[in-house]
Amino acid sequence: MRARLYYDAGLDTPEKIAAREPDELRRYLAEFIERTGFEGIVPLPKELDNLVRAARTLPALVEY
């Protein structure tokens, strides 16, 4: 369900996630859920901290 939330919210690459700060990302996702009626909850701050940290360590393997 989390992957669908991130994808539907436009966060479809690690680079897009890495470019955000966890607090700002949480607000963005909360607004997305509210605006769209997405069936899910906002990820916890610790989850988003880990997600952003992991996304920042991944090497870029695909070029667009």
PDB file of N, CA and C in Angstrom:
ATOM      1  N   MET A   1       0.815  -1.187   0.000  1.00  0.00           N
ATOM      2  CA  MET A   1       0.000   0.000   0.000  1.00  0.00           C
ATOM      3  C   MET A   1       0.867   1.263   0.000  1.00  0.00           C
ATOM      4  N   ARG A   2       2.011   1.206   0.703  1.00  0.00           N
ATOM      5  CA  ARG A   2       2.886   2.382   0.738  1.00  0.00           C
ATOM      6  C   ARG A   2       3.425   2.699  -0.661  1.00  0.00           C
ATOM      7  N   ALA A   3       3.844   1.672  -1.368  1.00  0.00           N
ATOM      8  CA  ALA A   3       4.388   1.906  -2.704  1.00  0.00           C
ATOM      9  C   ALA A   3       3.351   2.580  -3.587  1.00  0.00           C
ATOM     10  N   ARG A   4       2.109   2.167  -3.494  1.00  0.00           N
ATOM     11  CA  ARG A   4       1.034   2.775  -4.292  1.00  0.00           C
ATOM     12  C   ARG A   4       0.839   4.237  -3.884  1.00  0.00           C
ATOM     13  N   LEU A   5       0.914   4.533  -2.589  1.00  0.00           N
ATOM     14  CA  LEU A   5       0.788   5.916  -2.118  1.00  0.00           C
ATOM     15  C   LEU A   5       1.889   6.771  -2.717  1.00  0.00           C
ATOM     16  N   TYR A   6       3.122   6.313  -2.614  1.00  0.00           N
ATOM     17  CA  TYR A   6       4.241   7.105  -3.141  1.00  0.00           C
ATOM     18  C   TYR A   6       4.105   7.294  -4.656  1.00  0.00           C
ATOM     19  N   TYR A   7       3.790   6.222  -5.350  1.00  0.00           N
ATOM     20  CA  TYR A   7       3.657   6.289  -6.808  1.00  0.00           C
ATOM     21  C   TYR A   7       2.522   7.230  -7.211  1.00  0.00           C
ATOM     22  N   ASP A   8       1.363   7.057  -6.613  1.00  0.00           N
ATOM     23  CA  ASP A   8       0.215   7.891  -6.963  1.00  0.00           C
ATOM     24  C   ASP A   8       0.454   9.362  -6.619  1.00  0.00           C
ATOM     25  N   ALA A   9       1.260   9.609  -5.607  1.00  0.00           N
ATOM     26  CA  ALA A   9       1.566  10.981  -5.204  1.00  0.00           C
ATOM     27  C   ALA A   9       2.678  11.594  -6.064  1.00  0.00           C
ATOM     28  N   GLY A  10       3.176  10.840  -7.040  1.00  0.00           N
ATOM     29  CA  GLY A  10       4.183  11.365  -7.962  1.00  0.00           C
ATOM     30  C   GLY A  10       5.615  11.114  -7.534  1.00  0.00           C
ATOM     31  N   LEU A  11       5.805  10.332  -6.500  1.00  0.00           N
ATOM     32  CA  LEU A  11       7.151  10.021  -6.014  1.00  0.00           C
ATOM     33  C   LEU A  11       7.570   8.672  -6.586  1.00  0.00           C
ATOM     34  N   ASP A  12       7.821   8.659  -7.889  1.00  0.00           N
ATOM     35  CA  ASP A  12       8.040   7.408  -8.599  1.00  0.00           C
ATOM     36  C   ASP A  12       9.499   7.073  -8.879  1.00  0.00           C
ATOM     37  N   THR A  13      10.413   7.854  -8.311  1.00  0.00           N
ATOM     38  CA  THR A  13      11.837   7.532  -8.435  1.00  0.00           C
ATOM     39  C   THR A  13      12.523   7.816  -7.098  1.00  0.00           C
ATOM     40  N   PRO A  14      13.611   7.120  -6.817  1.00  0.00           N
ATOM     41  CA  PRO A  14      14.350   7.418  -5.584  1.00  0.00           C
ATOM     42  C   PRO A  14      14.837   8.869  -5.542  1.00  0.00           C
ATOM     43  N   GLU A  15      15.162   9.423  -6.692  1.00  0.00           N
ATOM     44  CA  GLU A  15      15.645  10.800  -6.742  1.00  0.00           C
ATOM     45  C   GLU A  15      14.594  11.786  -6.249  1.00  0.00           C
ATOM     46  N   LYS A  16      13.339  11.540  -6.581  1.00  0.00           N
ATOM     47  CA  LYS A  16      12.259  12.431  -6.139  1.00  0.00           C
ATOM     48  C   LYS A  16      12.060  12.346  -4.633  1.00  0.00           C
ATOM     49  N   ILE A  17      12.245  11.166  -4.083  1.00  0.00           N
ATOM     50  CA  ILE A  17      12.122  11.006  -2.634  1.00  0.00           C
ATOM     51  C   ILE A  17      13.330  11.638  -1.939  1.00  0.00           C
ATOM     52  N   ALA A  18      14.515  11.404  -2.469  1.00  0.00           N
ATOM     53  CA  ALA A  18      15.746  11.923  -1.867  1.00  0.00           C
ATOM     54  C   ALA A  18      15.786  13.447  -1.873  1.00  0.00           C
ATOM     55  N   ALA A  19      15.091  14.067  -2.796  1.00  0.00           N
ATOM     56  CA  ALA A  19      15.102  15.528  -2.915  1.00  0.00           C
ATOM     57  C   ALA A  19      14.254  16.214  -1.851  1.00  0.00           C
ATOM     58  N   ARG A  20      13.517  15.460  -1.078  1.00  0.00           N
ATOM     59  CA  ARG A  20      12.607  16.038  -0.076  1.00  0.00           C
ATOM     60  C   ARG A  20      13.157  15.834   1.334  1.00  0.00           C
ATOM     61  N   GLU A  21      12.749  16.724   2.221  1.00  0.00           N
ATOM     62  CA  GLU A  21      13.017  16.549   3.647  1.00  0.00           C
ATOM     63  C   GLU A  21      11.859  15.744   4.232  1.00  0.00           C
ATOM     64  N   PRO A  22      12.118  14.874   5.197  1.00  0.00           N
ATOM     65  CA  PRO A  22      11.054  14.017   5.730  1.00  0.00           C
ATOM     66  C   PRO A  22       9.812  14.766   6.225  1.00  0.00           C
ATOM     67  N   ASP A  23       9.995  15.874   6.927  1.00  0.00           N
ATOM     68  CA  ASP A  23       8.835  16.626   7.432  1.00  0.00           C
ATOM     69  C   ASP A  23       7.999  17.191   6.292  1.00  0.00           C
ATOM     70  N   GLU A  24       8.675  17.730   5.288  1.00  0.00           N
ATOM     71  CA  GLU A  24       7.967  18.286   4.134  1.00  0.00           C
ATOM     72  C   GLU A  24       7.266  17.179   3.367  1.00  0.00           C
ATOM     73  N   LEU A  25       7.915  16.034   3.254  1.00  0.00           N
ATOM     74  CA  LEU A  25       7.325  14.886   2.564  1.00  0.00           C
ATOM     75  C   LEU A  25       6.071  14.410   3.288  1.00  0.00           C
ATOM     76  N   ARG A  26       6.096  14.406   4.611  1.00  0.00           N
ATOM     77  CA  ARG A  26       4.928  13.985   5.395  1.00  0.00           C
ATOM     78  C   ARG A  26       3.749  14.934   5.152  1.00  0.00           C
ATOM     79  N   ARG A  27       4.010  16.232   5.140  1.00  0.00           N
ATOM     80  CA  ARG A  27       2.944  17.211   4.852  1.00  0.00           C
ATOM     81  C   ARG A  27       2.390  17.010   3.452  1.00  0.00           C
ATOM     82  N   TYR A  28       3.284  16.796   2.497  1.00  0.00           N
ATOM     83  CA  TYR A  28       2.875  16.583   1.108  1.00  0.00           C
ATOM     84  C   TYR A  28       1.968  15.358   0.988  1.00  0.00           C
ATOM     85  N   LEU A  29       2.363  14.260   1.625  1.00  0.00           N
ATOM     86  CA  LEU A  29       1.571  13.038   1.554  1.00  0.00           C
ATOM     87  C   LEU A  29       0.234  13.197   2.276  1.00  0.00           C
ATOM     88  N   ALA A  30       0.232  13.907   3.409  1.00  0.00           N
ATOM     89  CA  ALA A  30      -1.025  14.149   4.128  1.00  0.00           C
ATOM     90  C   ALA A  30      -1.987  14.951   3.249  1.00  0.00           C
ATOM     91  N   GLU A  31      -1.475  15.963   2.573  1.00  0.00           N
ATOM     92  CA  GLU A  31      -2.311  16.769   1.685  1.00  0.00           C
ATOM     93  C   GLU A  31      -2.809  15.937   0.506  1.00  0.00           C
ATOM     94  N   PHE A  32      -1.960  15.068  -0.026  1.00  0.00           N
ATOM     95  CA  PHE A  32      -2.364  14.204  -1.134  1.00  0.00           C
ATOM     96  C   PHE A  32      -3.501  13.283  -0.710  1.00  0.00           C
ATOM     97  N   ILE A  33      -3.370  12.657   0.447  1.00  0.00           N
ATOM     98  CA  ILE A  33      -4.402  11.751   0.941  1.00  0.00           C
ATOM     99  C   ILE A  33      -5.708  12.503   1.142  1.00  0.00           C
ATOM    100  N   GLU A  34      -5.625  13.674   1.743  1.00  0.00           N
ATOM    101  CA  GLU A  34      -6.825  14.493   1.988  1.00  0.00           C
ATOM    102  C   GLU A  34      -7.487  14.908   0.667  1.00  0.00           C
ATOM    103  N   ARG A  35      -6.682  15.376  -0.263  1.00  0.00           N
ATOM    104  CA  ARG A  35      -7.192  15.896  -1.539  1.00  0.00           C
ATOM    105  C   ARG A  35      -7.803  14.803  -2.416  1.00  0.00           C
ATOM    106  N   THR A  36      -7.210  13.624  -2.414  1.00  0.00           N
ATOM    107  CA  THR A  36      -7.635  12.581  -3.347  1.00  0.00           C
ATOM    108  C   THR A  36      -8.539  11.528  -2.726  1.00  0.00           C
ATOM    109  N   GLY A  37      -8.597  11.486  -1.404  1.00  0.00           N
ATOM    110  CA  GLY A  37      -9.372  10.436  -0.761  1.00  0.00           C
ATOM    111  C   GLY A  37      -8.670   9.090  -0.806  1.00  0.00           C
ATOM    112  N   PHE A  38      -7.364   9.099  -1.009  1.00  0.00           N
ATOM    113  CA  PHE A  38      -6.577   7.867  -1.048  1.00  0.00           C
ATOM    114  C   PHE A  38      -6.844   7.068   0.222  1.00  0.00           C
ATOM    115  N   GLU A  39      -7.082   5.781   0.063  1.00  0.00           N
ATOM    116  CA  GLU A  39      -7.366   4.917   1.207  1.00  0.00           C
ATOM    117  C   GLU A  39      -6.066   4.453   1.836  1.00  0.00           C
ATOM    118  N   GLY A  40      -5.627   5.180   2.804  1.00  0.00           N
ATOM    119  CA  GLY A  40      -4.395   4.852   3.497  1.00  0.00           C
ATOM    120  C   GLY A  40      -4.115   5.929   4.522  1.00  0.00           C
ATOM    121  N   ILE A  41      -3.044   5.741   5.267  1.00  0.00           N
ATOM    122  CA  ILE A  41      -2.677   6.718   6.276  1.00  0.00           C
ATOM    123  C   ILE A  41      -1.318   7.311   5.942  1.00  0.00           C
ATOM    124  N   VAL A  42      -1.046   8.436   6.549  1.00  0.00           N
ATOM    125  CA  VAL A  42       0.237   9.102   6.346  1.00  0.00           C
ATOM    126  C   VAL A  42       1.315   8.278   7.051  1.00  0.00           C
ATOM    127  N   PRO A  43       2.431   8.032   6.382  1.00  0.00           N
ATOM    128  CA  PRO A  43       3.522   7.293   7.022  1.00  0.00           C
ATOM    129  C   PRO A  43       4.021   8.025   8.275  1.00  0.00           C
ATOM    130  N   LEU A  44       4.489   7.258   9.223  1.00  0.00           N
ATOM    131  CA  LEU A  44       5.039   7.830  10.451  1.00  0.00           C
ATOM    132  C   LEU A  44       6.339   8.572  10.152  1.00  0.00           C
ATOM    133  N   PRO A  45       6.667   9.575  10.964  1.00  0.00           N
ATOM    134  CA  PRO A  45       7.910  10.326  10.734  1.00  0.00           C
ATOM    135  C   PRO A  45       9.153   9.438  10.656  1.00  0.00           C
ATOM    136  N   LYS A  46       9.260   8.442  11.522  1.00  0.00           N
ATOM    137  CA  LYS A  46      10.438   7.565  11.504  1.00  0.00           C
ATOM    138  C   LYS A  46      10.523   6.795  10.187  1.00  0.00           C
ATOM    139  N   GLU A  47       9.381   6.354   9.672  1.00  0.00           N
ATOM    140  CA  GLU A  47       9.362   5.643   8.393  1.00  0.00           C
ATOM    141  C   GLU A  47       9.879   6.540   7.268  1.00  0.00           C
ATOM    142  N   LEU A  48       9.436   7.786   7.275  1.00  0.00           N
ATOM    143  CA  LEU A  48       9.866   8.711   6.223  1.00  0.00           C
ATOM    144  C   LEU A  48      11.330   9.101   6.382  1.00  0.00           C
ATOM    145  N   ASP A  49      11.799   9.230   7.620  1.00  0.00           N
ATOM    146  CA  ASP A  49      13.234   9.480   7.838  1.00  0.00           C
ATOM    147  C   ASP A  49      14.055   8.364   7.211  1.00  0.00           C
ATOM    148  N   ASN A  50      13.669   7.124   7.476  1.00  0.00           N
ATOM    149  CA  ASN A  50      14.387   5.969   6.928  1.00  0.00           C
ATOM    150  C   ASN A  50      14.279   5.913   5.411  1.00  0.00           C
ATOM    151  N   LEU A  51      13.107   6.218   4.881  1.00  0.00           N
ATOM    152  CA  LEU A  51      12.900   6.192   3.436  1.00  0.00           C
ATOM    153  C   LEU A  51      13.792   7.212   2.733  1.00  0.00           C
ATOM    154  N   VAL A  52      13.791   8.429   3.223  1.00  0.00           N
ATOM    155  CA  VAL A  52      14.592   9.487   2.603  1.00  0.00           C
ATOM    156  C   VAL A  52      16.074   9.170   2.732  1.00  0.00           C
ATOM    157  N   ARG A  53      16.488   8.705   3.894  1.00  0.00           N
ATOM    158  CA  ARG A  53      17.899   8.359   4.103  1.00  0.00           C
ATOM    159  C   ARG A  53      18.332   7.255   3.131  1.00  0.00           C
ATOM    160  N   ALA A  54      17.492   6.239   2.983  1.00  0.00           N
ATOM    161  CA  ALA A  54      17.814   5.149   2.060  1.00  0.00           C
ATOM    162  C   ALA A  54      17.855   5.632   0.620  1.00  0.00           C
ATOM    163  N   ALA A  55      16.897   6.468   0.237  1.00  0.00           N
ATOM    164  CA  ALA A  55      16.854   6.976  -1.140  1.00  0.00           C
ATOM    165  C   ALA A  55      18.102   7.797  -1.459  1.00  0.00           C
ATOM    166  N   ARG A  56      18.624   8.474  -0.475  1.00  0.00           N
ATOM    167  CA  ARG A  56      19.826   9.307  -0.688  1.00  0.00           C
ATOM    168  C   ARG A  56      21.088   8.478  -0.833  1.00  0.00           C
ATOM    169  N   THR A  57      21.054   7.226  -0.411  1.00  0.00           N
ATOM    170  CA  THR A  57      22.262   6.393  -0.510  1.00  0.00           C
ATOM    171  C   THR A  57      22.276   5.536  -1.768  1.00  0.00           C
ATOM    172  N   LEU A  58      21.157   5.459  -2.466  1.00  0.00           N
ATOM    173  CA  LEU A  58      21.096   4.606  -3.659  1.00  0.00           C
ATOM    174  C   LEU A  58      21.839   5.234  -4.832  1.00  0.00           C
ATOM    175  N   PRO A  59      22.628   4.442  -5.529  1.00  0.00           N
ATOM    176  CA  PRO A  59      23.311   4.971  -6.712  1.00  0.00           C
ATOM    177  C   PRO A  59      22.313   5.108  -7.866  1.00  0.00           C
ATOM    178  N   ALA A  60      22.545   6.093  -8.708  1.00  0.00           N
ATOM    179  CA  ALA A  60      21.702   6.291  -9.892  1.00  0.00           C
ATOM    180  C   ALA A  60      22.109   5.266 -10.938  1.00  0.00           C
ATOM    181  N   LEU A  61      21.212   4.333 -11.237  1.00  0.00           N
ATOM    182  CA  LEU A  61      21.526   3.277 -12.192  1.00  0.00           C
ATOM    183  C   LEU A  61      20.840   3.488 -13.549  1.00  0.00           C
ATOM    184  N   VAL A  62      19.796   4.288 -13.550  1.00  0.00           N
ATOM    185  CA  VAL A  62      19.033   4.517 -14.774  1.00  0.00           C
ATOM    186  C   VAL A  62      19.106   5.992 -15.132  1.00  0.00           C
ATOM    187  N   GLU A  63      19.393   6.269 -16.379  1.00  0.00           N
ATOM    188  CA  GLU A  63      19.407   7.650 -16.841  1.00  0.00           C
ATOM    189  C   GLU A  63      18.178   7.882 -17.689  1.00  0.00           C
ATOM    190  N   TYR A  64      17.558   9.041 -17.535  1.00  0.00           N
ATOM    191  CA  TYR A  64      16.347   9.382 -18.283  1.00  0.00           C
ATOM    192  C   TYR A  64      16.655  10.336 -19.390  1.00  0.00           C
TER     193      TYR A  64
END
